[in-house]
Amino acid sequence: MKRLLASIFAFFAGGGQAQIEGAGPQFAHVISTALADAEVKKGNLVKVHLFPLELGGHDVPPNVTYIPIGMEDMWKKIIGTIEQFGADGLIDKLRVEPEYNGDSVVPCRIKFIGTHSTEKRGFEPTLEMWRCA
């Protein structure tokens, strides 16, 4: 919760940017969806949608990704904050930028870029799952 509050504070006080980091295991060896799905079954990864369904994303393969177990609470908090900022009219556009190491299908970082079409404001939380190269 403290990290989420820090993210929201950073949005209002420092140009709309915040970063939430994870220190979990790296998943560079997960280079296919079959391997990722196996890690989901083992309880190491969680399947999520890059552009969340609750924000208008679609359940199609290019929108599916994986995050390490333990990061899903922060994921949900970021999505909830974005959803609330949209409902409050603070942002009206969202871009999601995953970053990967090598051939891994598990992003090391996911950046959400929420902006407003007519106002100079935004919200840019970054979820760091593991160290990006």
Protein backbone atom coordinates (compact mmCIF):
# COMPACT_ATOMS: atom_id res chain seq x y z
CA MET A 1 0.00 0.00 0.00
CA LYS A 2 2.86 2.37 0.80
CA ARG A 3 4.25 1.85 -2.72
CA LEU A 4 0.89 2.65 -4.28
CA LEU A 5 0.55 5.79 -2.20
CA ALA A 6 4.07 6.77 -3.21
CA SER A 7 3.05 6.26 -6.84
CA ILE A 8 0.02 8.47 -6.47
CA PHE A 9 2.07 11.12 -4.63
CA ALA A 10 4.67 11.01 -7.41
CA PHE A 11 1.90 11.54 -9.95
CA PHE A 12 0.68 14.72 -8.32
CA ALA A 13 4.00 16.06 -7.06
CA GLY A 14 6.53 15.04 -9.66
CA GLY A 15 5.28 15.08 -13.20
CA GLY A 16 3.04 12.03 -13.12
CA GLN A 17 5.78 9.37 -13.02
CA ALA A 18 6.18 6.57 -10.49
CA GLN A 19 7.94 3.24 -10.39
CA ILE A 20 7.16 0.08 -8.45
CA GLU A 21 9.96 -2.46 -8.37
CA GLY A 22 10.08 -6.16 -7.75
CA ALA A 23 13.07 -8.16 -6.59
CA GLY A 24 11.81 -11.57 -7.58
CA PRO A 25 13.35 -14.26 -9.75
CA GLN A 26 14.24 -13.63 -13.35
CA PHE A 27 12.47 -15.46 -16.16
CA ALA A 28 14.89 -15.14 -19.08
CA HIS A 29 14.59 -18.88 -19.69
CA VAL A 30 10.84 -18.61 -20.38
CA ILE A 31 10.98 -18.11 -24.15
CA SER A 32 7.60 -19.48 -25.23
CA THR A 33 4.00 -19.33 -24.12
CA ALA A 34 4.14 -23.09 -23.48
CA LEU A 35 6.99 -22.57 -20.99
CA ALA A 36 5.15 -19.60 -19.47
CA ASP A 37 1.97 -21.65 -19.10
CA ALA A 38 4.02 -24.37 -17.38
CA GLU A 39 5.34 -21.74 -14.94
CA VAL A 40 1.74 -20.63 -14.32
CA LYS A 41 0.83 -24.25 -13.43
CA LYS A 42 3.84 -24.40 -11.07
CA GLY A 43 2.61 -21.23 -9.37
CA ASN A 44 5.54 -19.05 -10.45
CA LEU A 45 3.77 -16.80 -12.97
CA VAL A 46 0.33 -15.25 -13.37
CA LYS A 47 -1.29 -14.64 -16.76
CA VAL A 48 -2.54 -11.06 -17.26
CA HIS A 49 -3.66 -8.82 -20.10
CA LEU A 50 -1.26 -6.02 -21.05
CA PHE A 51 -4.16 -3.71 -21.81
CA PRO A 52 -6.48 -4.86 -19.03
CA LEU A 53 -9.93 -6.15 -19.94
CA GLU A 54 -11.52 -3.86 -17.35
CA LEU A 55 -10.04 -0.89 -19.23
CA GLY A 56 -11.26 -2.01 -22.65
CA GLY A 57 -8.54 -4.48 -23.62
CA HIS A 58 -9.34 -7.64 -25.55
CA ASP A 59 -8.73 -11.28 -24.70
CA VAL A 60 -6.46 -12.00 -27.68
CA PRO A 61 -2.99 -13.62 -27.69
CA PRO A 62 -1.01 -10.41 -28.41
CA ASN A 63 -2.61 -8.83 -25.32
CA VAL A 64 -1.64 -11.69 -22.98
CA THR A 65 1.52 -11.62 -20.90
CA TYR A 66 2.84 -13.08 -17.67
CA ILE A 67 4.01 -11.54 -14.42
CA PRO A 68 5.77 -13.20 -11.47
CA ILE A 69 3.63 -14.43 -8.60
CA GLY A 70 3.60 -11.79 -5.90
CA MET A 71 3.40 -8.91 -8.38
CA GLU A 72 -0.30 -9.34 -9.07
CA ASP A 73 -1.34 -7.22 -6.07
CA MET A 74 0.72 -4.29 -7.35
CA TRP A 75 -0.64 -4.96 -10.86
CA LYS A 76 -4.21 -4.75 -9.55
CA LYS A 77 -3.46 -1.56 -7.62
CA ILE A 78 -1.95 0.11 -10.67
CA ILE A 79 -4.91 -0.94 -12.83
CA GLY A 80 -7.35 0.23 -10.15
CA THR A 81 -5.62 3.61 -9.93
CA ILE A 82 -5.65 4.01 -13.72
CA GLU A 83 -9.31 3.03 -13.79
CA GLN A 84 -10.13 5.60 -11.08
CA PHE A 85 -8.10 8.35 -12.78
CA GLY A 86 -10.02 7.63 -15.98
CA ALA A 87 -13.37 7.77 -14.17
CA ASP A 88 -12.33 11.07 -12.57
CA GLY A 89 -11.34 12.54 -15.94
CA LEU A 90 -7.67 12.89 -14.99
CA ILE A 91 -6.59 10.69 -17.91
CA ASP A 92 -8.40 9.64 -21.07
CA LYS A 93 -5.75 7.68 -22.98
CA LEU A 94 -3.62 4.70 -22.01
CA ARG A 95 -0.58 3.17 -23.65
CA VAL A 96 1.11 0.06 -22.25
CA GLU A 97 4.79 -0.61 -23.03
CA PRO A 98 6.25 -3.96 -21.95
CA GLU A 99 10.01 -4.46 -22.07
CA TYR A 100 11.63 -7.88 -22.38
CA ASN A 101 15.10 -9.35 -21.85
CA GLY A 102 16.28 -11.38 -24.81
CA ASP A 103 13.70 -13.85 -26.08
CA SER A 104 11.76 -14.10 -22.83
CA VAL A 105 7.97 -13.83 -23.06
CA VAL A 106 7.89 -12.54 -19.47
CA PRO A 107 8.40 -8.78 -19.40
CA CYS A 108 11.04 -7.42 -17.08
CA ARG A 109 9.19 -4.10 -16.98
CA ILE A 110 5.74 -2.83 -17.92
CA LYS A 111 5.21 0.90 -18.25
CA PHE A 112 1.70 2.33 -18.24
CA ILE A 113 1.37 5.76 -19.82
CA GLY A 114 -1.91 7.42 -18.97
CA THR A 115 -2.42 10.86 -20.50
CA HIS A 116 -5.14 13.39 -21.08
CA SER A 117 -5.95 14.53 -24.61
CA THR A 118 -6.45 18.21 -23.79
CA GLU A 119 -4.67 18.70 -20.45
CA LYS A 120 -0.94 18.51 -19.73
CA ARG A 121 -1.12 15.80 -17.13
CA GLY A 122 -0.56 12.11 -16.94
CA PHE A 123 0.18 9.09 -14.82
CA GLU A 124 3.10 6.80 -15.67
CA PRO A 125 3.56 3.95 -13.21
CA THR A 126 6.17 1.36 -14.10
CA LEU A 127 6.01 -2.19 -12.79
CA GLU A 128 9.54 -3.63 -12.58
CA MET A 129 9.37 -7.42 -12.35
CA TRP A 130 13.08 -8.15 -12.70
CA ARG A 131 16.19 -6.35 -13.85
CA CYS A 132 16.05 -5.32 -17.50
CA ALA A 133 19.26 -5.66 -19.49
